Amino acid sequence: MGFHRPSVTHAKKVLRRSFSNSSRGGSYNLVDVPKGFLAVYVGENERQRFVIPVSYLNQPSLQDLLSEAEQEFGFDHPMGGLTIPCRQDTFIDIISRF
């Protein structure tokens, strides 16, 4: 029995990425986020919205990013949702490992 490492293709299937964000005039409501998922905004300058499974919150690497977000923003997130201050490609790389 071998170990299976999820590929980037698998991550793209699991990770739902919304290309419309608030800078483009998009608006969101609870219907946009399915049960068992949460929306996060990722980016250092321009933020991109990602919808990820809640189960990802148990991953140590994502918890590290959340700690950084807490240090930078506290509980006042400028996008109105959870904001993670890292590069989008770094976030995708981290998520693709789950």
PDB file of N, CA and C in Angstrom:
ATOM      1  N   MET A   1       0.852  -1.174   0.000  1.00  0.00           N
ATOM      2  CA  MET A   1       0.000   0.000   0.000  1.00  0.00           C
ATOM      3  C   MET A   1       0.892   1.230   0.000  1.00  0.00           C
ATOM      4  N   GLY A   2       0.736   2.088  -0.992  1.00  0.00           N
ATOM      5  CA  GLY A   2       1.550   3.290  -1.108  1.00  0.00           C
ATOM      6  C   GLY A   2       0.803   4.528  -0.660  1.00  0.00           C
ATOM      7  N   PHE A   3       1.538   5.590  -0.555  1.00  0.00           N
ATOM      8  CA  PHE A   3       0.936   6.863  -0.184  1.00  0.00           C
ATOM      9  C   PHE A   3       0.501   7.599  -1.437  1.00  0.00           C
ATOM     10  N   HIS A   4      -0.640   8.245  -1.356  1.00  0.00           N
ATOM     11  CA  HIS A   4      -1.155   9.016  -2.488  1.00  0.00           C
ATOM     12  C   HIS A   4      -1.072  10.491  -2.147  1.00  0.00           C
ATOM     13  N   ARG A   5      -0.366  11.236  -2.947  1.00  0.00           N
ATOM     14  CA  ARG A   5      -0.266  12.681  -2.753  1.00  0.00           C
ATOM     15  C   ARG A   5      -1.180  13.358  -3.770  1.00  0.00           C
ATOM     16  N   PRO A   6      -2.125  14.156  -3.293  1.00  0.00           N
ATOM     17  CA  PRO A   6      -3.050  14.815  -4.220  1.00  0.00           C
ATOM     18  C   PRO A   6      -2.302  15.710  -5.210  1.00  0.00           C
ATOM     19  N   SER A   7      -2.736  15.698  -6.424  1.00  0.00           N
ATOM     20  CA  SER A   7      -2.097  16.520  -7.438  1.00  0.00           C
ATOM     21  C   SER A   7      -2.716  17.914  -7.470  1.00  0.00           C
ATOM     22  N   VAL A   8      -2.081  18.798  -8.211  1.00  0.00           N
ATOM     23  CA  VAL A   8      -2.608  20.149  -8.365  1.00  0.00           C
ATOM     24  C   VAL A   8      -3.965  20.096  -9.050  1.00  0.00           C
ATOM     25  N   THR A   9      -4.149  19.157  -9.973  1.00  0.00           N
ATOM     26  CA  THR A   9      -5.441  19.018 -10.639  1.00  0.00           C
ATOM     27  C   THR A   9      -6.523  18.696  -9.624  1.00  0.00           C
ATOM     28  N   HIS A  10      -6.224  17.799  -8.691  1.00  0.00           N
ATOM     29  CA  HIS A  10      -7.186  17.478  -7.631  1.00  0.00           C
ATOM     30  C   HIS A  10      -7.483  18.713  -6.790  1.00  0.00           C
ATOM     31  N   ALA A  11      -6.449  19.476  -6.478  1.00  0.00           N
ATOM     32  CA  ALA A  11      -6.640  20.686  -5.670  1.00  0.00           C
ATOM     33  C   ALA A  11      -7.549  21.670  -6.386  1.00  0.00           C
ATOM     34  N   LYS A  12      -7.396  21.788  -7.692  1.00  0.00           N
ATOM     35  CA  LYS A  12      -8.241  22.713  -8.441  1.00  0.00           C
ATOM     36  C   LYS A  12      -9.694  22.266  -8.441  1.00  0.00           C
ATOM     37  N   LYS A  13      -9.922  20.947  -8.391  1.00  0.00           N
ATOM     38  CA  LYS A  13     -11.291  20.454  -8.325  1.00  0.00           C
ATOM     39  C   LYS A  13     -11.904  20.743  -6.963  1.00  0.00           C
ATOM     40  N   VAL A  14     -11.103  20.569  -5.912  1.00  0.00           N
ATOM     41  CA  VAL A  14     -11.603  20.775  -4.558  1.00  0.00           C
ATOM     42  C   VAL A  14     -11.681  22.256  -4.221  1.00  0.00           C
ATOM     43  N   LEU A  15     -10.685  22.984  -4.631  1.00  0.00           N
ATOM     44  CA  LEU A  15     -10.597  24.404  -4.328  1.00  0.00           C
ATOM     45  C   LEU A  15     -11.414  25.173  -5.349  1.00  0.00           C
ATOM     46  N   ARG A  16     -12.448  25.797  -4.877  1.00  0.00           N
ATOM     47  CA  ARG A  16     -13.308  26.568  -5.781  1.00  0.00           C
ATOM     48  C   ARG A  16     -12.861  28.007  -5.720  1.00  0.00           C
ATOM     49  N   ARG A  17     -12.548  28.558  -6.866  1.00  0.00           N
ATOM     50  CA  ARG A  17     -12.005  29.899  -6.924  1.00  0.00           C
ATOM     51  C   ARG A  17     -13.008  30.804  -7.617  1.00  0.00           C
ATOM     52  N   SER A  18     -13.325  31.904  -6.975  1.00  0.00           N
ATOM     53  CA  SER A  18     -14.245  32.865  -7.549  1.00  0.00           C
ATOM     54  C   SER A  18     -13.444  33.985  -8.189  1.00  0.00           C
ATOM     55  N   PHE A  19     -13.655  34.226  -9.470  1.00  0.00           N
ATOM     56  CA  PHE A  19     -12.892  35.245 -10.170  1.00  0.00           C
ATOM     57  C   PHE A  19     -13.491  36.631 -10.051  1.00  0.00           C
ATOM     58  N   SER A  20     -14.668  36.738  -9.477  1.00  0.00           N
ATOM     59  CA  SER A  20     -15.237  38.065  -9.271  1.00  0.00           C
ATOM     60  C   SER A  20     -15.052  38.429  -7.817  1.00  0.00           C
ATOM     61  N   ASN A  21     -14.352  39.528  -7.556  1.00  0.00           N
ATOM     62  CA  ASN A  21     -14.174  39.953  -6.171  1.00  0.00           C
ATOM     63  C   ASN A  21     -14.695  41.368  -6.012  1.00  0.00           C
ATOM     64  N   SER A  22     -14.610  41.891  -4.818  1.00  0.00           N
ATOM     65  CA  SER A  22     -15.232  43.187  -4.544  1.00  0.00           C
ATOM     66  C   SER A  22     -14.652  44.318  -5.385  1.00  0.00           C
ATOM     67  N   SER A  23     -13.402  44.209  -5.819  1.00  0.00           N
ATOM     68  CA  SER A  23     -12.833  45.274  -6.645  1.00  0.00           C
ATOM     69  C   SER A  23     -13.458  45.291  -8.037  1.00  0.00           C
ATOM     70  N   ARG A  24     -14.123  44.206  -8.396  1.00  0.00           N
ATOM     71  CA  ARG A  24     -14.803  44.135  -9.688  1.00  0.00           C
ATOM     72  C   ARG A  24     -16.309  44.309  -9.536  1.00  0.00           C
ATOM     73  N   GLY A  25     -16.729  44.707  -8.337  1.00  0.00           N
ATOM     74  CA  GLY A  25     -18.147  44.987  -8.136  1.00  0.00           C
ATOM     75  C   GLY A  25     -18.975  43.783  -7.768  1.00  0.00           C
ATOM     76  N   GLY A  26     -18.334  42.664  -7.406  1.00  0.00           N
ATOM     77  CA  GLY A  26     -19.086  41.477  -7.037  1.00  0.00           C
ATOM     78  C   GLY A  26     -19.680  41.611  -5.649  1.00  0.00           C
ATOM     79  N   SER A  27     -20.779  40.944  -5.427  1.00  0.00           N
ATOM     80  CA  SER A  27     -21.354  40.897  -4.084  1.00  0.00           C
ATOM     81  C   SER A  27     -21.635  39.443  -3.765  1.00  0.00           C
ATOM     82  N   TYR A  28     -21.525  39.098  -2.490  1.00  0.00           N
ATOM     83  CA  TYR A  28     -21.654  37.721  -2.094  1.00  0.00           C
ATOM     84  C   TYR A  28     -22.742  37.574  -1.050  1.00  0.00           C
ATOM     85  N   ASN A  29     -23.315  36.403  -0.992  1.00  0.00           N
ATOM     86  CA  ASN A  29     -24.237  36.072   0.078  1.00  0.00           C
ATOM     87  C   ASN A  29     -23.997  34.623   0.459  1.00  0.00           C
ATOM     88  N   LEU A  30     -24.750  34.106   1.399  1.00  0.00           N
ATOM     89  CA  LEU A  30     -24.533  32.750   1.886  1.00  0.00           C
ATOM     90  C   LEU A  30     -24.731  31.690   0.817  1.00  0.00           C
ATOM     91  N   VAL A  31     -25.491  31.986  -0.213  1.00  0.00           N
ATOM     92  CA  VAL A  31     -25.722  31.021  -1.277  1.00  0.00           C
ATOM     93  C   VAL A  31     -24.433  30.736  -2.039  1.00  0.00           C
ATOM     94  N   ASP A  32     -23.511  31.701  -2.083  1.00  0.00           N
ATOM     95  CA  ASP A  32     -22.250  31.537  -2.792  1.00  0.00           C
ATOM     96  C   ASP A  32     -21.320  30.530  -2.126  1.00  0.00           C
ATOM     97  N   VAL A  33     -21.540  30.233  -0.847  1.00  0.00           N
ATOM     98  CA  VAL A  33     -20.666  29.342  -0.101  1.00  0.00           C
ATOM     99  C   VAL A  33     -21.470  28.124   0.343  1.00  0.00           C
ATOM    100  N   PRO A  34     -21.186  26.957  -0.242  1.00  0.00           N
ATOM    101  CA  PRO A  34     -21.940  25.760   0.122  1.00  0.00           C
ATOM    102  C   PRO A  34     -21.673  25.335   1.568  1.00  0.00           C
ATOM    103  N   LYS A  35     -22.575  24.576   2.119  1.00  0.00           N
ATOM    104  CA  LYS A  35     -22.425  24.058   3.473  1.00  0.00           C
ATOM    105  C   LYS A  35     -21.134  23.236   3.555  1.00  0.00           C
ATOM    106  N   GLY A  36     -20.368  23.459   4.624  1.00  0.00           N
ATOM    107  CA  GLY A  36     -19.113  22.745   4.798  1.00  0.00           C
ATOM    108  C   GLY A  36     -17.919  23.459   4.190  1.00  0.00           C
ATOM    109  N   PHE A  37     -18.136  24.647   3.641  1.00  0.00           N
ATOM    110  CA  PHE A  37     -17.070  25.441   3.026  1.00  0.00           C
ATOM    111  C   PHE A  37     -17.053  26.824   3.658  1.00  0.00           C
ATOM    112  N   LEU A  38     -15.967  27.565   3.460  1.00  0.00           N
ATOM    113  CA  LEU A  38     -15.918  28.959   3.873  1.00  0.00           C
ATOM    114  C   LEU A  38     -15.145  29.763   2.851  1.00  0.00           C
ATOM    115  N   ALA A  39     -15.480  31.041   2.777  1.00  0.00           N
ATOM    116  CA  ALA A  39     -14.808  31.942   1.842  1.00  0.00           C
ATOM    117  C   ALA A  39     -13.644  32.619   2.553  1.00  0.00           C
ATOM    118  N   VAL A  40     -12.504  32.680   1.872  1.00  0.00           N
ATOM    119  CA  VAL A  40     -11.345  33.411   2.376  1.00  0.00           C
ATOM    120  C   VAL A  40     -10.841  34.311   1.253  1.00  0.00           C
ATOM    121  N   TYR A  41     -10.240  35.418   1.645  1.00  0.00           N
ATOM    122  CA  TYR A  41      -9.646  36.346   0.683  1.00  0.00           C
ATOM    123  C   TYR A  41      -8.148  36.252   0.831  1.00  0.00           C
ATOM    124  N   VAL A  42      -7.452  36.010  -0.276  1.00  0.00           N
ATOM    125  CA  VAL A  42      -6.022  35.745  -0.244  1.00  0.00           C
ATOM    126  C   VAL A  42      -5.300  36.733  -1.148  1.00  0.00           C
ATOM    127  N   GLY A  43      -4.197  37.268  -0.640  1.00  0.00           N
ATOM    128  CA  GLY A  43      -3.358  38.149  -1.438  1.00  0.00           C
ATOM    129  C   GLY A  43      -2.724  39.219  -0.585  1.00  0.00           C
ATOM    130  N   GLU A  44      -1.614  39.719  -1.053  1.00  0.00           N
ATOM    131  CA  GLU A  44      -0.913  40.765  -0.321  1.00  0.00           C
ATOM    132  C   GLU A  44      -1.468  42.142  -0.657  1.00  0.00           C
ATOM    133  N   ASN A  45      -1.731  42.397  -1.920  1.00  0.00           N
ATOM    134  CA  ASN A  45      -2.297  43.676  -2.356  1.00  0.00           C
ATOM    135  C   ASN A  45      -3.694  43.469  -2.927  1.00  0.00           C
ATOM    136  N   GLU A  46      -3.770  42.846  -4.062  1.00  0.00           N
ATOM    137  CA  GLU A  46      -5.050  42.513  -4.702  1.00  0.00           C
ATOM    138  C   GLU A  46      -5.522  41.181  -4.127  1.00  0.00           C
ATOM    139  N   ARG A  47      -6.679  41.165  -3.543  1.00  0.00           N
ATOM    140  CA  ARG A  47      -7.175  39.960  -2.885  1.00  0.00           C
ATOM    141  C   ARG A  47      -8.093  39.162  -3.814  1.00  0.00           C
ATOM    142  N   GLN A  48      -7.915  37.856  -3.791  1.00  0.00           N
ATOM    143  CA  GLN A  48      -8.729  36.939  -4.576  1.00  0.00           C
ATOM    144  C   GLN A  48      -9.551  36.089  -3.615  1.00  0.00           C
ATOM    145  N   ARG A  49     -10.794  35.869  -3.939  1.00  0.00           N
ATOM    146  CA  ARG A  49     -11.690  35.081  -3.077  1.00  0.00           C
ATOM    147  C   ARG A  49     -11.581  33.604  -3.435  1.00  0.00           C
ATOM    148  N   PHE A  50     -11.409  32.762  -2.400  1.00  0.00           N
ATOM    149  CA  PHE A  50     -11.375  31.320  -2.544  1.00  0.00           C
ATOM    150  C   PHE A  50     -12.433  30.732  -1.626  1.00  0.00           C
ATOM    151  N   VAL A  51     -13.070  29.663  -2.059  1.00  0.00           N
ATOM    152  CA  VAL A  51     -14.016  28.941  -1.225  1.00  0.00           C
ATOM    153  C   VAL A  51     -13.379  27.579  -0.960  1.00  0.00           C
ATOM    154  N   ILE A  52     -13.077  27.326   0.325  1.00  0.00           N
ATOM    155  CA  ILE A  52     -12.351  26.114   0.702  1.00  0.00           C
ATOM    156  C   ILE A  52     -13.175  25.275   1.674  1.00  0.00           C
ATOM    157  N   PRO A  53     -12.914  23.973   1.723  1.00  0.00           N
ATOM    158  CA  PRO A  53     -13.609  23.124   2.700  1.00  0.00           C
ATOM    159  C   PRO A  53     -13.219  23.516   4.130  1.00  0.00           C
ATOM    160  N   VAL A  54     -14.160  23.494   5.037  1.00  0.00           N
ATOM    161  CA  VAL A  54     -13.908  23.821   6.440  1.00  0.00           C
ATOM    162  C   VAL A  54     -12.866  22.862   7.026  1.00  0.00           C
ATOM    163  N   SER A  55     -12.821  21.640   6.546  1.00  0.00           N
ATOM    164  CA  SER A  55     -11.868  20.647   7.058  1.00  0.00           C
ATOM    165  C   SER A  55     -10.419  21.098   6.899  1.00  0.00           C
ATOM    166  N   TYR A  56     -10.148  22.003   5.957  1.00  0.00           N
ATOM    167  CA  TYR A  56      -8.783  22.510   5.767  1.00  0.00           C
ATOM    168  C   TYR A  56      -8.292  23.284   6.994  1.00  0.00           C
ATOM    169  N   LEU A  57      -9.202  23.777   7.823  1.00  0.00           N
ATOM    170  CA  LEU A  57      -8.812  24.554   9.001  1.00  0.00           C
ATOM    171  C   LEU A  57      -8.030  23.717  10.004  1.00  0.00           C
ATOM    172  N   ASN A  58      -8.120  22.403   9.906  1.00  0.00           N
ATOM    173  CA  ASN A  58      -7.370  21.516  10.800  1.00  0.00           C
ATOM    174  C   ASN A  58      -5.920  21.332  10.381  1.00  0.00           C
ATOM    175  N   GLN A  59      -5.563  21.765   9.193  1.00  0.00           N
ATOM    176  CA  GLN A  59      -4.212  21.570   8.679  1.00  0.00           C
ATOM    177  C   GLN A  59      -3.241  22.567   9.316  1.00  0.00           C
ATOM    178  N   PRO A  60      -2.107  22.091   9.840  1.00  0.00           N
ATOM    179  CA  PRO A  60      -1.144  22.978  10.506  1.00  0.00           C
ATOM    180  C   PRO A  60      -0.645  24.130   9.617  1.00  0.00           C
ATOM    181  N   SER A  61      -0.431  23.873   8.348  1.00  0.00           N
ATOM    182  CA  SER A  61       0.073  24.940   7.474  1.00  0.00           C
ATOM    183  C   SER A  61      -0.968  26.054   7.285  1.00  0.00           C
ATOM    184  N   LEU A  62      -2.241  25.690   7.237  1.00  0.00           N
ATOM    185  CA  LEU A  62      -3.286  26.708   7.132  1.00  0.00           C
ATOM    186  C   LEU A  62      -3.458  27.422   8.464  1.00  0.00           C
ATOM    187  N   GLN A  63      -3.287  26.724   9.563  1.00  0.00           N
ATOM    188  CA  GLN A  63      -3.350  27.351  10.878  1.00  0.00           C
ATOM    189  C   GLN A  63      -2.237  28.383  11.042  1.00  0.00           C
ATOM    190  N   ASP A  64      -1.061  28.108  10.462  1.00  0.00           N
ATOM    191  CA  ASP A  64       0.034  29.090  10.486  1.00  0.00           C
ATOM    192  C   ASP A  64      -0.360  30.354   9.733  1.00  0.00           C
ATOM    193  N   LEU A  65      -0.998  30.183   8.579  1.00  0.00           N
ATOM    194  CA  LEU A  65      -1.457  31.345   7.808  1.00  0.00           C
ATOM    195  C   LEU A  65      -2.522  32.123   8.575  1.00  0.00           C
ATOM    196  N   LEU A  66      -3.391  31.413   9.264  1.00  0.00           N
ATOM    197  CA  LEU A  66      -4.429  32.075  10.051  1.00  0.00           C
ATOM    198  C   LEU A  66      -3.825  32.856  11.218  1.00  0.00           C
ATOM    199  N   SER A  67      -2.749  32.347  11.796  1.00  0.00           N
ATOM    200  CA  SER A  67      -2.051  33.077  12.862  1.00  0.00           C
ATOM    201  C   SER A  67      -1.451  34.369  12.324  1.00  0.00           C
ATOM    202  N   GLU A  68      -0.878  34.306  11.121  1.00  0.00           N
ATOM    203  CA  GLU A  68      -0.342  35.514  10.482  1.00  0.00           C
ATOM    204  C   GLU A  68      -1.467  36.516  10.226  1.00  0.00           C
ATOM    205  N   ALA A  69      -2.613  36.022   9.777  1.00  0.00           N
ATOM    206  CA  ALA A  69      -3.758  36.901   9.523  1.00  0.00           C
ATOM    207  C   ALA A  69      -4.216  37.558  10.815  1.00  0.00           C
ATOM    208  N   GLU A  70      -4.220  36.805  11.908  1.00  0.00           N
ATOM    209  CA  GLU A  70      -4.623  37.364  13.199  1.00  0.00           C
ATOM    210  C   GLU A  70      -3.659  38.461  13.639  1.00  0.00           C
ATOM    211  N   GLN A  71      -2.356  38.245  13.429  1.00  0.00           N
ATOM    212  CA  GLN A  71      -1.362  39.251  13.805  1.00  0.00           C
ATOM    213  C   GLN A  71      -1.508  40.518  12.969  1.00  0.00           C
ATOM    214  N   GLU A  72      -1.804  40.355  11.685  1.00  0.00           N
ATOM    215  CA  GLU A  72      -1.897  41.515  10.799  1.00  0.00           C
ATOM    216  C   GLU A  72      -3.222  42.253  10.924  1.00  0.00           C
ATOM    217  N   PHE A  73      -4.327  41.510  10.991  1.00  0.00           N
ATOM    218  CA  PHE A  73      -5.650  42.127  10.954  1.00  0.00           C
ATOM    219  C   PHE A  73      -6.414  42.058  12.264  1.00  0.00           C
ATOM    220  N   GLY A  74      -6.009  41.202  13.189  1.00  0.00           N
ATOM    221  CA  GLY A  74      -6.819  40.975  14.380  1.00  0.00           C
ATOM    222  C   GLY A  74      -8.138  40.373  13.941  1.00  0.00           C
ATOM    223  N   PHE A  75      -9.218  40.913  14.442  1.00  0.00           N
ATOM    224  CA  PHE A  75     -10.535  40.423  14.037  1.00  0.00           C
ATOM    225  C   PHE A  75     -11.246  41.414  13.122  1.00  0.00           C
ATOM    226  N   ASP A  76     -10.536  42.418  12.653  1.00  0.00           N
ATOM    227  CA  ASP A  76     -11.096  43.428  11.755  1.00  0.00           C
ATOM    228  C   ASP A  76     -10.552  43.178  10.351  1.00  0.00           C
ATOM    229  N   HIS A  77     -11.268  42.376   9.585  1.00  0.00           N
ATOM    230  CA  HIS A  77     -10.825  42.041   8.238  1.00  0.00           C
ATOM    231  C   HIS A  77     -11.430  43.015   7.238  1.00  0.00           C
ATOM    232  N   PRO A  78     -10.595  43.702   6.450  1.00  0.00           N
ATOM    233  CA  PRO A  78     -11.069  44.749   5.550  1.00  0.00           C
ATOM    234  C   PRO A  78     -12.036  44.279   4.460  1.00  0.00           C
ATOM    235  N   MET A  79     -11.989  43.008   4.097  1.00  0.00           N
ATOM    236  CA  MET A  79     -12.863  42.515   3.034  1.00  0.00           C
ATOM    237  C   MET A  79     -14.203  42.048   3.595  1.00  0.00           C
ATOM    238  N   GLY A  80     -14.362  42.095   4.922  1.00  0.00           N
ATOM    239  CA  GLY A  80     -15.595  41.634   5.523  1.00  0.00           C
ATOM    240  C   GLY A  80     -15.598  40.140   5.764  1.00  0.00           C
ATOM    241  N   GLY A  81     -14.600  39.439   5.281  1.00  0.00           N
ATOM    242  CA  GLY A  81     -14.459  38.006   5.485  1.00  0.00           C
ATOM    243  C   GLY A  81     -13.062  37.719   5.973  1.00  0.00           C
ATOM    244  N   LEU A  82     -12.720  36.478   6.075  1.00  0.00           N
ATOM    245  CA  LEU A  82     -11.402  36.063   6.536  1.00  0.00           C
ATOM    246  C   LEU A  82     -10.372  36.408   5.465  1.00  0.00           C
ATOM    247  N   THR A  83      -9.374  37.209   5.826  1.00  0.00           N
ATOM    248  CA  THR A  83      -8.345  37.650   4.886  1.00  0.00           C
ATOM    249  C   THR A  83      -7.022  37.011   5.269  1.00  0.00           C
ATOM    250  N   ILE A  84      -6.366  36.370   4.309  1.00  0.00           N
ATOM    251  CA  ILE A  84      -5.081  35.719   4.539  1.00  0.00           C
ATOM    252  C   ILE A  84      -4.017  36.469   3.749  1.00  0.00           C
ATOM    253  N   PRO A  85      -3.042  37.066   4.455  1.00  0.00           N
ATOM    254  CA  PRO A  85      -2.026  37.894   3.789  1.00  0.00           C
ATOM    255  C   PRO A  85      -0.839  37.089   3.264  1.00  0.00           C
ATOM    256  N   CYS A  86      -1.045  36.364   2.191  1.00  0.00           N
ATOM    257  CA  CYS A  86       0.058  35.674   1.530  1.00  0.00           C
ATOM    258  C   CYS A  86      -0.196  35.718   0.031  1.00  0.00           C
ATOM    259  N   ARG A  87       0.813  35.369  -0.726  1.00  0.00           N
ATOM    260  CA  ARG A  87       0.654  35.369  -2.183  1.00  0.00           C
ATOM    261  C   ARG A  87      -0.335  34.278  -2.590  1.00  0.00           C
ATOM    262  N   GLN A  88      -1.085  34.544  -3.636  1.00  0.00           N
ATOM    263  CA  GLN A  88      -2.100  33.594  -4.089  1.00  0.00           C
ATOM    264  C   GLN A  88      -1.477  32.284  -4.545  1.00  0.00           C
ATOM    265  N   ASP A  89      -0.346  32.337  -5.239  1.00  0.00           N
ATOM    266  CA  ASP A  89       0.295  31.105  -5.698  1.00  0.00           C
ATOM    267  C   ASP A  89       0.813  30.281  -4.520  1.00  0.00           C
ATOM    268  N   THR A  90       1.264  30.948  -3.454  1.00  0.00           N
ATOM    269  CA  THR A  90       1.696  30.245  -2.250  1.00  0.00           C
ATOM    270  C   THR A  90       0.502  29.547  -1.592  1.00  0.00           C
ATOM    271  N   PHE A  91      -0.625  30.247  -1.516  1.00  0.00           N
ATOM    272  CA  PHE A  91      -1.834  29.670  -0.931  1.00  0.00           C
ATOM    273  C   PHE A  91      -2.284  28.434  -1.719  1.00  0.00           C
ATOM    274  N   ILE A  92      -2.294  28.528  -3.024  1.00  0.00           N
ATOM    275  CA  ILE A  92      -2.689  27.404  -3.868  1.00  0.00           C
ATOM    276  C   ILE A  92      -1.743  26.222  -3.660  1.00  0.00           C
ATOM    277  N   ASP A  93      -0.440  26.519  -3.550  1.00  0.00           N
ATOM    278  CA  ASP A  93       0.542  25.453  -3.322  1.00  0.00           C
ATOM    279  C   ASP A  93       0.274  24.763  -1.978  1.00  0.00           C
ATOM    280  N   ILE A  94      -0.002  25.536  -0.945  1.00  0.00           N
ATOM    281  CA  ILE A  94      -0.285  24.966   0.375  1.00  0.00           C
ATOM    282  C   ILE A  94      -1.550  24.111   0.337  1.00  0.00           C
ATOM    283  N   ILE A  95      -2.597  24.634  -0.269  1.00  0.00           N
ATOM    284  CA  ILE A  95      -3.881  23.925  -0.334  1.00  0.00           C
ATOM    285  C   ILE A  95      -3.763  22.636  -1.153  1.00  0.00           C
ATOM    286  N   SER A  96      -2.922  22.663  -2.168  1.00  0.00           N
ATOM    287  CA  SER A  96      -2.799  21.476  -3.036  1.00  0.00           C
ATOM    288  C   SER A  96      -2.150  20.294  -2.323  1.00  0.00           C
ATOM    289  N   ARG A  97      -1.559  20.525  -1.165  1.00  0.00           N
ATOM    290  CA  ARG A  97      -0.914  19.447  -0.401  1.00  0.00           C
ATOM    291  C   ARG A  97      -1.891  18.685   0.483  1.00  0.00           C
ATOM    292  N   PHE A  98      -3.096  19.185   0.664  1.00  0.00           N
ATOM    293  CA  PHE A  98      -4.065  18.547   1.564  1.00  0.00           C
ATOM    294  C   PHE A  98      -4.738  17.376   0.892  1.00  0.00           C
TER     295      PHE A  98
END
